[in-house]
Amino acid sequence: MPATQEKDLEKQMEQYPIVTFADILRALKSHPEWLEELRKIILTTELLELPKKFDELLKRVEKIESDVEILKQDVAILKQDVAILKQDVVVLKQDVAVLKQDVAILKQDVEILKKDVAYLKGEFGRFKGKDFERTIREKYYAYFGKLLRKTKLIQFEEILPILDDAEEKGLITEEQRDSLLRLDIIVKGQIKSTQKPVVLAVEVSYSLYKDDIERAIERAEILAQLLKEEVIPTVVSAETQEDAEKLADEKGVLLIKTDY
């Protein structure tokens, strides 16, 4: 406070003799502006600033309450989202379970299809083999005529009495008789280069395997024993492998490779 104001204040206060506390109150009521000066004397700076700080604190509390309210709303929304996610997870689990069942059914169907395909392949292979054998038998003169002259297809009815008689005499076993009857083709003729009469014991196999070669040898030996003629084990095939060809050459089996 400026010095002149202090002097004026002192002069005014001299007009109010202070004896009791009531005198102080009367003076302050008459001059409310003195209260500010009194506060400056009685209260510290910190106390004077408390109302302002309280207001600031109150505003901060209100801000916090507002933020808390927003957080509550956000938490409520999150709870709803979590509930929806839980429902979605349940639906997904159900869908996965259904998919697993579908996959299991598909696997079973695939296994069935594999078996069906394998069966069809087998049937087709047998059909192709039978058709290949029929073609060779029907046109034997075309397939064996390059090697033989005067070719003749021997029907099994012609050698059946010989087989039966040989079995009855014990010259061959029942298994040998049955094996010879399963021979695919028997062809008789003369070798073109030497005119030597021979018989071909022919195994027809679309795809040549080592077993075909072994069967041709075995059946040719039985037939040679019965006919008392030279019998050449022969295999006719459309598909051959190197190891089978090598075995046929080593065993002295006539291999005729042809297209089909």
C-alpha atoms as a PDB file:
ATOM      1  CA  MET A   1       0.000   0.000   0.000  1.00  0.00           C
ATOM      2  CA  PRO A   2       1.331   3.509  -0.829  1.00  0.00           C
ATOM      3  CA  ALA A   3       2.456   5.624   2.107  1.00  0.00           C
ATOM      4  CA  THR A   4      -0.243   8.291   1.559  1.00  0.00           C
ATOM      5  CA  GLN A   5      -2.943   5.617   1.744  1.00  0.00           C
ATOM      6  CA  GLU A   6      -1.498   4.252   4.950  1.00  0.00           C
ATOM      7  CA  LYS A   7      -1.547   7.730   6.493  1.00  0.00           C
ATOM      8  CA  ASP A   8      -5.181   8.244   5.430  1.00  0.00           C
ATOM      9  CA  LEU A   9      -6.063   4.876   6.874  1.00  0.00           C
ATOM     10  CA  GLU A  10      -4.403   5.697  10.161  1.00  0.00           C
ATOM     11  CA  LYS A  11      -6.290   9.026  10.355  1.00  0.00           C
ATOM     12  CA  GLN A  12      -9.570   7.234   9.733  1.00  0.00           C
ATOM     13  CA  MET A  13      -8.841   4.623  12.372  1.00  0.00           C
ATOM     14  CA  GLU A  14      -8.064   7.337  14.897  1.00  0.00           C
ATOM     15  CA  GLN A  15     -11.711   8.335  14.592  1.00  0.00           C
ATOM     16  CA  TYR A  16     -12.663   4.887  15.978  1.00  0.00           C
ATOM     17  CA  PRO A  17     -11.119   4.310  19.377  1.00  0.00           C
ATOM     18  CA  ILE A  18     -10.687   0.606  19.843  1.00  0.00           C
ATOM     19  CA  VAL A  19     -11.249  -0.659  23.354  1.00  0.00           C
ATOM     20  CA  THR A  20     -13.157  -3.913  22.884  1.00  0.00           C
ATOM     21  CA  PHE A  21     -13.596  -6.536  20.172  1.00  0.00           C
ATOM     22  CA  ALA A  22     -17.027  -5.048  19.507  1.00  0.00           C
ATOM     23  CA  ASP A  23     -15.277  -1.786  18.602  1.00  0.00           C
ATOM     24  CA  ILE A  24     -13.282  -3.671  15.994  1.00  0.00           C
ATOM     25  CA  LEU A  25     -16.396  -5.175  14.482  1.00  0.00           C
ATOM     26  CA  ARG A  26     -18.147  -1.790  14.337  1.00  0.00           C
ATOM     27  CA  ALA A  27     -15.142  -0.251  12.640  1.00  0.00           C
ATOM     28  CA  LEU A  28     -14.958  -3.043  10.059  1.00  0.00           C
ATOM     29  CA  LYS A  29     -18.676  -2.820   9.363  1.00  0.00           C
ATOM     30  CA  SER A  30     -18.362   0.875   8.806  1.00  0.00           C
ATOM     31  CA  HIS A  31     -15.326   0.391   6.576  1.00  0.00           C
ATOM     32  CA  PRO A  32     -15.532  -2.973   4.775  1.00  0.00           C
ATOM     33  CA  GLU A  33     -12.421  -2.052   2.787  1.00  0.00           C
ATOM     34  CA  TRP A  34     -10.399  -2.479   5.961  1.00  0.00           C
ATOM     35  CA  LEU A  35     -11.130  -6.201   5.851  1.00  0.00           C
ATOM     36  CA  GLU A  36      -8.691  -6.677   2.983  1.00  0.00           C
ATOM     37  CA  GLU A  37      -5.943  -4.986   4.904  1.00  0.00           C
ATOM     38  CA  LEU A  38      -6.818  -7.062   7.926  1.00  0.00           C
ATOM     39  CA  ARG A  39      -6.645 -10.245   5.911  1.00  0.00           C
ATOM     40  CA  LYS A  40      -3.193  -9.292   4.606  1.00  0.00           C
ATOM     41  CA  ILE A  41      -2.020  -8.905   8.126  1.00  0.00           C
ATOM     42  CA  ILE A  42      -3.632 -12.042   9.544  1.00  0.00           C
ATOM     43  CA  LEU A  43      -3.423 -14.499   6.614  1.00  0.00           C
ATOM     44  CA  THR A  44      -0.266 -15.701   4.879  1.00  0.00           C
ATOM     45  CA  THR A  45       0.131 -15.600   1.117  1.00  0.00           C
ATOM     46  CA  GLU A  46      -0.451 -19.358   0.914  1.00  0.00           C
ATOM     47  CA  LEU A  47      -3.737 -19.087   2.779  1.00  0.00           C
ATOM     48  CA  LEU A  48      -4.868 -16.243   0.589  1.00  0.00           C
ATOM     49  CA  GLU A  49      -4.230 -18.339  -2.516  1.00  0.00           C
ATOM     50  CA  LEU A  50      -6.133 -21.348  -1.151  1.00  0.00           C
ATOM     51  CA  PRO A  51      -9.472 -20.417  -2.736  1.00  0.00           C
ATOM     52  CA  LYS A  52      -7.796 -20.095  -6.120  1.00  0.00           C
ATOM     53  CA  LYS A  53      -6.005 -23.402  -5.678  1.00  0.00           C
ATOM     54  CA  PHE A  54      -9.218 -24.989  -4.494  1.00  0.00           C
ATOM     55  CA  ASP A  55     -10.973 -23.807  -7.639  1.00  0.00           C
ATOM     56  CA  GLU A  56      -8.181 -25.210  -9.772  1.00  0.00           C
ATOM     57  CA  LEU A  57      -8.355 -28.488  -7.853  1.00  0.00           C
ATOM     58  CA  LEU A  58     -12.107 -28.566  -8.254  1.00  0.00           C
ATOM     59  CA  LYS A  59     -11.737 -28.108 -12.009  1.00  0.00           C
ATOM     60  CA  ARG A  60      -9.183 -30.927 -12.138  1.00  0.00           C
ATOM     61  CA  VAL A  61     -11.519 -33.176 -10.177  1.00  0.00           C
ATOM     62  CA  GLU A  62     -14.328 -32.351 -12.572  1.00  0.00           C
ATOM     63  CA  LYS A  63     -12.011 -33.137 -15.479  1.00  0.00           C
ATOM     64  CA  ILE A  64     -11.068 -36.456 -13.854  1.00  0.00           C
ATOM     65  CA  GLU A  65     -14.715 -37.268 -13.257  1.00  0.00           C
ATOM     66  CA  SER A  66     -15.443 -36.503 -16.892  1.00  0.00           C
ATOM     67  CA  ASP A  67     -12.559 -38.732 -18.002  1.00  0.00           C
ATOM     68  CA  VAL A  68     -13.739 -41.497 -15.674  1.00  0.00           C
ATOM     69  CA  GLU A  69     -17.221 -41.257 -17.142  1.00  0.00           C
ATOM     70  CA  ILE A  70     -15.761 -41.551 -20.645  1.00  0.00           C
ATOM     71  CA  LEU A  71     -13.684 -44.532 -19.507  1.00  0.00           C
ATOM     72  CA  LYS A  72     -16.803 -46.132 -18.055  1.00  0.00           C
ATOM     73  CA  GLN A  73     -18.525 -45.731 -21.397  1.00  0.00           C
ATOM     74  CA  ASP A  74     -15.488 -47.132 -23.205  1.00  0.00           C
ATOM     75  CA  VAL A  75     -15.370 -50.089 -20.801  1.00  0.00           C
ATOM     76  CA  ALA A  76     -19.061 -50.716 -21.389  1.00  0.00           C
ATOM     77  CA  ILE A  77     -18.474 -50.709 -25.156  1.00  0.00           C
ATOM     78  CA  LEU A  78     -15.485 -53.024 -24.716  1.00  0.00           C
ATOM     79  CA  LYS A  79     -17.613 -55.384 -22.647  1.00  0.00           C
ATOM     80  CA  GLN A  80     -20.178 -55.458 -25.432  1.00  0.00           C
ATOM     81  CA  ASP A  81     -17.432 -56.070 -27.999  1.00  0.00           C
ATOM     82  CA  VAL A  82     -15.977 -58.878 -25.875  1.00  0.00           C
ATOM     83  CA  ALA A  83     -19.437 -60.439 -25.569  1.00  0.00           C
ATOM     84  CA  ILE A  84     -19.844 -60.279 -29.349  1.00  0.00           C
ATOM     85  CA  LEU A  85     -16.373 -61.763 -29.822  1.00  0.00           C
ATOM     86  CA  LYS A  86     -17.238 -64.601 -27.455  1.00  0.00           C
ATOM     87  CA  GLN A  87     -20.351 -65.322 -29.490  1.00  0.00           C
ATOM     88  CA  ASP A  88     -18.302 -65.208 -32.673  1.00  0.00           C
ATOM     89  CA  VAL A  89     -15.757 -67.621 -31.169  1.00  0.00           C
ATOM     90  CA  VAL A  90     -18.556 -70.000 -30.237  1.00  0.00           C
ATOM     91  CA  VAL A  91     -19.899 -69.820 -33.809  1.00  0.00           C
ATOM     92  CA  LEU A  92     -16.395 -70.351 -35.201  1.00  0.00           C
ATOM     93  CA  LYS A  93     -15.902 -73.385 -32.979  1.00  0.00           C
ATOM     94  CA  GLN A  94     -19.162 -74.808 -34.242  1.00  0.00           C
ATOM     95  CA  ASP A  95     -18.125 -74.087 -37.824  1.00  0.00           C
ATOM     96  CA  VAL A  96     -14.740 -75.737 -37.257  1.00  0.00           C
ATOM     97  CA  ALA A  97     -16.465 -78.771 -35.798  1.00  0.00           C
ATOM     98  CA  VAL A  98     -18.720 -78.978 -38.861  1.00  0.00           C
ATOM     99  CA  LEU A  99     -15.696 -78.562 -41.154  1.00  0.00           C
ATOM    100  CA  LYS A 100     -13.884 -81.361 -39.328  1.00  0.00           C
ATOM    101  CA  GLN A 101     -16.867 -83.616 -39.883  1.00  0.00           C
ATOM    102  CA  ASP A 102     -16.995 -82.608 -43.537  1.00  0.00           C
ATOM    103  CA  VAL A 103     -13.250 -83.285 -43.924  1.00  0.00           C
ATOM    104  CA  ALA A 104     -13.681 -86.688 -42.284  1.00  0.00           C
ATOM    105  CA  ILE A 105     -16.512 -87.490 -44.713  1.00  0.00           C
ATOM    106  CA  LEU A 106     -14.425 -86.231 -47.649  1.00  0.00           C
ATOM    107  CA  LYS A 107     -11.518 -88.419 -46.554  1.00  0.00           C
ATOM    108  CA  GLN A 108     -13.831 -91.421 -46.493  1.00  0.00           C
ATOM    109  CA  ASP A 109     -15.170 -90.484 -49.923  1.00  0.00           C
ATOM    110  CA  VAL A 110     -11.618 -90.095 -51.250  1.00  0.00           C
ATOM    111  CA  GLU A 111     -10.692 -93.525 -49.928  1.00  0.00           C
ATOM    112  CA  ILE A 112     -13.758 -94.994 -51.609  1.00  0.00           C
ATOM    113  CA  LEU A 113     -12.883 -93.184 -54.841  1.00  0.00           C
ATOM    114  CA  LYS A 114      -9.317 -94.478 -54.645  1.00  0.00           C
ATOM    115  CA  LYS A 115     -10.614 -98.022 -54.292  1.00  0.00           C
ATOM    116  CA  ASP A 116     -13.049 -97.464 -57.149  1.00  0.00           C
ATOM    117  CA  VAL A 117     -10.301 -96.014 -59.354  1.00  0.00           C
ATOM    118  CA  ALA A 118      -7.985 -98.894 -58.481  1.00  0.00           C
ATOM    119  CA  TYR A 119     -10.776-101.343 -59.302  1.00  0.00           C
ATOM    120  CA  LEU A 120     -11.535 -99.572 -62.586  1.00  0.00           C
ATOM    121  CA  LYS A 121      -7.844 -99.527 -63.467  1.00  0.00           C
ATOM    122  CA  GLY A 122      -7.697-103.232 -62.759  1.00  0.00           C
ATOM    123  CA  GLU A 123     -10.811-103.887 -64.811  1.00  0.00           C
ATOM    124  CA  PHE A 124      -9.525-101.721 -67.644  1.00  0.00           C
ATOM    125  CA  GLY A 125      -6.164-103.450 -67.494  1.00  0.00           C
ATOM    126  CA  ARG A 126      -7.843-106.846 -67.659  1.00  0.00           C
ATOM    127  CA  PHE A 127     -10.079-105.691 -70.507  1.00  0.00           C
ATOM    128  CA  LYS A 128      -7.117-104.268 -72.386  1.00  0.00           C
ATOM    129  CA  GLY A 129      -5.156-107.455 -71.809  1.00  0.00           C
ATOM    130  CA  LYS A 130      -8.041-109.635 -72.981  1.00  0.00           C
ATOM    131  CA  ASP A 131      -8.590-107.480 -76.044  1.00  0.00           C
ATOM    132  CA  PHE A 132      -4.866-107.537 -76.813  1.00  0.00           C
ATOM    133  CA  GLU A 133      -4.815-111.335 -76.508  1.00  0.00           C
ATOM    134  CA  ARG A 134      -7.911-111.658 -78.712  1.00  0.00           C
ATOM    135  CA  THR A 135      -6.316-109.429 -81.366  1.00  0.00           C
ATOM    136  CA  ILE A 136      -3.110-111.513 -81.403  1.00  0.00           C
ATOM    137  CA  ARG A 137      -5.083-114.760 -81.612  1.00  0.00           C
ATOM    138  CA  GLU A 138      -7.393-113.567 -84.396  1.00  0.00           C
ATOM    139  CA  LYS A 139      -4.522-112.201 -86.481  1.00  0.00           C
ATOM    140  CA  TYR A 140      -1.831-114.683 -85.456  1.00  0.00           C
ATOM    141  CA  TYR A 141      -0.664-115.011 -89.063  1.00  0.00           C
ATOM    142  CA  ALA A 142       0.222-111.302 -89.095  1.00  0.00           C
ATOM    143  CA  TYR A 143       2.213-111.402 -85.856  1.00  0.00           C
ATOM    144  CA  PHE A 144       3.976-114.761 -86.343  1.00  0.00           C
ATOM    145  CA  GLY A 145       4.082-114.814 -90.147  1.00  0.00           C
ATOM    146  CA  LYS A 146       7.299-112.775 -90.171  1.00  0.00           C
ATOM    147  CA  LEU A 147       9.096-115.655 -88.442  1.00  0.00           C
ATOM    148  CA  LEU A 148       7.195-118.707 -89.681  1.00  0.00           C
ATOM    149  CA  ARG A 149       5.764-120.000 -92.887  1.00  0.00           C
ATOM    150  CA  LYS A 150       2.735-122.275 -93.094  1.00  0.00           C
ATOM    151  CA  THR A 151       1.575-120.919 -89.715  1.00  0.00           C
ATOM    152  CA  LYS A 152      -1.305-122.707 -88.109  1.00  0.00           C
ATOM    153  CA  LEU A 153      -3.196-121.910 -84.911  1.00  0.00           C
ATOM    154  CA  ILE A 154      -3.540-125.085 -82.850  1.00  0.00           C
ATOM    155  CA  GLN A 155      -6.831-125.274 -81.001  1.00  0.00           C
ATOM    156  CA  PHE A 156      -6.747-126.632 -77.474  1.00  0.00           C
ATOM    157  CA  GLU A 157      -9.373-129.212 -78.447  1.00  0.00           C
ATOM    158  CA  GLU A 158      -6.642-130.836 -80.540  1.00  0.00           C
ATOM    159  CA  ILE A 159      -4.223-131.325 -77.643  1.00  0.00           C
ATOM    160  CA  LEU A 160      -6.771-131.900 -74.881  1.00  0.00           C
ATOM    161  CA  PRO A 161      -6.882-135.714 -75.465  1.00  0.00           C
ATOM    162  CA  ILE A 162      -3.076-135.763 -75.326  1.00  0.00           C
ATOM    163  CA  LEU A 163      -3.134-133.915 -72.011  1.00  0.00           C
ATOM    164  CA  ASP A 164      -5.758-136.190 -70.517  1.00  0.00           C
ATOM    165  CA  ASP A 165      -3.879-139.299 -71.612  1.00  0.00           C
ATOM    166  CA  ALA A 166      -0.587-137.940 -70.215  1.00  0.00           C
ATOM    167  CA  GLU A 167      -2.217-137.151 -66.885  1.00  0.00           C
ATOM    168  CA  GLU A 168      -3.787-140.612 -66.668  1.00  0.00           C
ATOM    169  CA  LYS A 169      -0.388-142.186 -67.329  1.00  0.00           C
ATOM    170  CA  GLY A 170       1.250-140.011 -64.718  1.00  0.00           C
ATOM    171  CA  LEU A 171       3.473-138.251 -67.232  1.00  0.00           C
ATOM    172  CA  ILE A 172       2.216-134.870 -66.022  1.00  0.00           C
ATOM    173  CA  THR A 173       0.475-133.739 -62.884  1.00  0.00           C
ATOM    174  CA  GLU A 174      -2.978-132.233 -62.694  1.00  0.00           C
ATOM    175  CA  GLU A 175      -1.365-128.846 -61.929  1.00  0.00           C
ATOM    176  CA  GLN A 176       0.799-129.106 -65.073  1.00  0.00           C
ATOM    177  CA  ARG A 177      -2.241-130.013 -67.170  1.00  0.00           C
ATOM    178  CA  ASP A 178      -4.202-127.021 -65.835  1.00  0.00           C
ATOM    179  CA  SER A 179      -1.194-124.720 -66.335  1.00  0.00           C
ATOM    180  CA  LEU A 180      -0.817-125.768 -69.974  1.00  0.00           C
ATOM    181  CA  LEU A 181      -4.519-125.241 -70.620  1.00  0.00           C
ATOM    182  CA  ARG A 182      -4.048-121.627 -69.488  1.00  0.00           C
ATOM    183  CA  LEU A 183      -1.456-121.054 -72.229  1.00  0.00           C
ATOM    184  CA  ASP A 184      -2.701-118.181 -74.379  1.00  0.00           C
ATOM    185  CA  ILE A 185      -1.844-119.365 -77.892  1.00  0.00           C
ATOM    186  CA  ILE A 186      -0.208-122.363 -79.576  1.00  0.00           C
ATOM    187  CA  VAL A 187       1.098-121.766 -83.090  1.00  0.00           C
ATOM    188  CA  LYS A 188       2.735-124.291 -85.403  1.00  0.00           C
ATOM    189  CA  GLY A 189       4.843-123.539 -88.479  1.00  0.00           C
ATOM    190  CA  GLN A 190       8.227-123.664 -90.161  1.00  0.00           C
ATOM    191  CA  ILE A 191      11.065-121.267 -89.488  1.00  0.00           C
ATOM    192  CA  LYS A 192      11.485-119.284 -92.692  1.00  0.00           C
ATOM    193  CA  SER A 193      15.267-119.378 -92.744  1.00  0.00           C
ATOM    194  CA  THR A 194      15.638-123.117 -92.090  1.00  0.00           C
ATOM    195  CA  GLN A 195      12.162-124.538 -92.829  1.00  0.00           C
ATOM    196  CA  LYS A 196      12.475-126.363 -89.526  1.00  0.00           C
ATOM    197  CA  PRO A 197       9.096-127.238 -88.008  1.00  0.00           C
ATOM    198  CA  VAL A 198       8.530-125.718 -84.606  1.00  0.00           C
ATOM    199  CA  VAL A 199       5.745-124.987 -82.155  1.00  0.00           C
ATOM    200  CA  LEU A 200       5.413-121.660 -80.356  1.00  0.00           C
ATOM    201  CA  ALA A 201       4.057-121.738 -76.789  1.00  0.00           C
ATOM    202  CA  VAL A 202       2.839-118.140 -76.603  1.00  0.00           C
ATOM    203  CA  GLU A 203       2.138-116.011 -73.554  1.00  0.00           C
ATOM    204  CA  VAL A 204       0.378-112.763 -74.478  1.00  0.00           C
ATOM    205  CA  SER A 205       0.819-109.905 -72.003  1.00  0.00           C
ATOM    206  CA  TYR A 206       0.152-106.260 -72.759  1.00  0.00           C
ATOM    207  CA  SER A 207       2.782-105.266 -70.162  1.00  0.00           C
ATOM    208  CA  LEU A 208       5.613-107.755 -69.931  1.00  0.00           C
ATOM    209  CA  TYR A 209       6.737-109.008 -66.520  1.00  0.00           C
ATOM    210  CA  LYS A 210       9.298-111.565 -65.473  1.00  0.00           C
ATOM    211  CA  ASP A 211       6.516-113.953 -64.419  1.00  0.00           C
ATOM    212  CA  ASP A 212       5.251-114.061 -68.008  1.00  0.00           C
ATOM    213  CA  ILE A 213       8.664-115.240 -69.158  1.00  0.00           C
ATOM    214  CA  GLU A 214       8.887-117.924 -66.475  1.00  0.00           C
ATOM    215  CA  ARG A 215       5.390-119.219 -67.310  1.00  0.00           C
ATOM    216  CA  ALA A 216       6.218-119.366 -71.025  1.00  0.00           C
ATOM    217  CA  ILE A 217       9.327-121.467 -70.306  1.00  0.00           C
ATOM    218  CA  GLU A 218       7.497-123.812 -67.924  1.00  0.00           C
ATOM    219  CA  ARG A 219       4.552-124.427 -70.266  1.00  0.00           C
ATOM    220  CA  ALA A 220       6.784-124.808 -73.342  1.00  0.00           C
ATOM    221  CA  GLU A 221       8.722-127.570 -71.579  1.00  0.00           C
ATOM    222  CA  ILE A 222       5.521-129.454 -70.737  1.00  0.00           C
ATOM    223  CA  LEU A 223       4.204-129.077 -74.290  1.00  0.00           C
ATOM    224  CA  ALA A 224       7.504-130.241 -75.795  1.00  0.00           C
ATOM    225  CA  GLN A 225       7.416-133.327 -73.571  1.00  0.00           C
ATOM    226  CA  LEU A 226       3.928-134.230 -74.814  1.00  0.00           C
ATOM    227  CA  LEU A 227       4.246-133.354 -78.523  1.00  0.00           C
ATOM    228  CA  LYS A 228       7.781-134.663 -78.909  1.00  0.00           C
ATOM    229  CA  GLU A 229       8.535-131.604 -81.002  1.00  0.00           C
ATOM    230  CA  GLU A 230      10.670-128.513 -80.588  1.00  0.00           C
ATOM    231  CA  VAL A 231       8.638-125.935 -78.682  1.00  0.00           C
ATOM    232  CA  ILE A 232       9.888-122.373 -78.405  1.00  0.00           C
ATOM    233  CA  PRO A 233       8.711-120.363 -75.379  1.00  0.00           C
ATOM    234  CA  THR A 234       7.344-117.104 -76.774  1.00  0.00           C
ATOM    235  CA  VAL A 235       5.976-113.883 -75.290  1.00  0.00           C
ATOM    236  CA  VAL A 236       4.110-111.159 -77.156  1.00  0.00           C
ATOM    237  CA  SER A 237       3.904-107.743 -75.492  1.00  0.00           C
ATOM    238  CA  ALA A 238       3.144-104.097 -76.247  1.00  0.00           C
ATOM    239  CA  GLU A 239       4.987-102.703 -73.231  1.00  0.00           C
ATOM    240  CA  THR A 240       8.319-104.102 -72.083  1.00  0.00           C
ATOM    241  CA  GLN A 241      10.981-103.220 -69.547  1.00  0.00           C
ATOM    242  CA  GLU A 242      14.708-103.544 -69.966  1.00  0.00           C
ATOM    243  CA  ASP A 243      15.164-106.102 -67.183  1.00  0.00           C
ATOM    244  CA  ALA A 244      12.366-108.306 -68.601  1.00  0.00           C
ATOM    245  CA  GLU A 245      13.853-108.110 -72.095  1.00  0.00           C
ATOM    246  CA  LYS A 246      17.244-109.061 -70.707  1.00  0.00           C
ATOM    247  CA  LEU A 247      15.777-112.046 -68.848  1.00  0.00           C
ATOM    248  CA  ALA A 248      13.966-113.237 -71.993  1.00  0.00           C
ATOM    249  CA  ASP A 249      17.203-113.082 -73.956  1.00  0.00           C
ATOM    250  CA  GLU A 250      19.117-114.949 -71.229  1.00  0.00           C
ATOM    251  CA  LYS A 251      16.450-117.668 -70.966  1.00  0.00           C
ATOM    252  CA  GLY A 252      16.170-118.162 -74.741  1.00  0.00           C
ATOM    253  CA  VAL A 253      12.589-116.884 -74.873  1.00  0.00           C
ATOM    254  CA  LEU A 254      11.367-115.464 -78.174  1.00  0.00           C
ATOM    255  CA  LEU A 255      10.144-111.888 -77.460  1.00  0.00           C
ATOM    256  CA  ILE A 256       7.823-110.273 -79.995  1.00  0.00           C
ATOM    257  CA  LYS A 257       7.220-106.588 -79.322  1.00  0.00           C
ATOM    258  CA  THR A 258       4.310-105.089 -81.172  1.00  0.00           C
ATOM    259  CA  ASP A 259       2.080-102.033 -81.234  1.00  0.00           C
ATOM    260  CA  TYR A 260      -1.515-102.227 -80.110  1.00  0.00           C
END
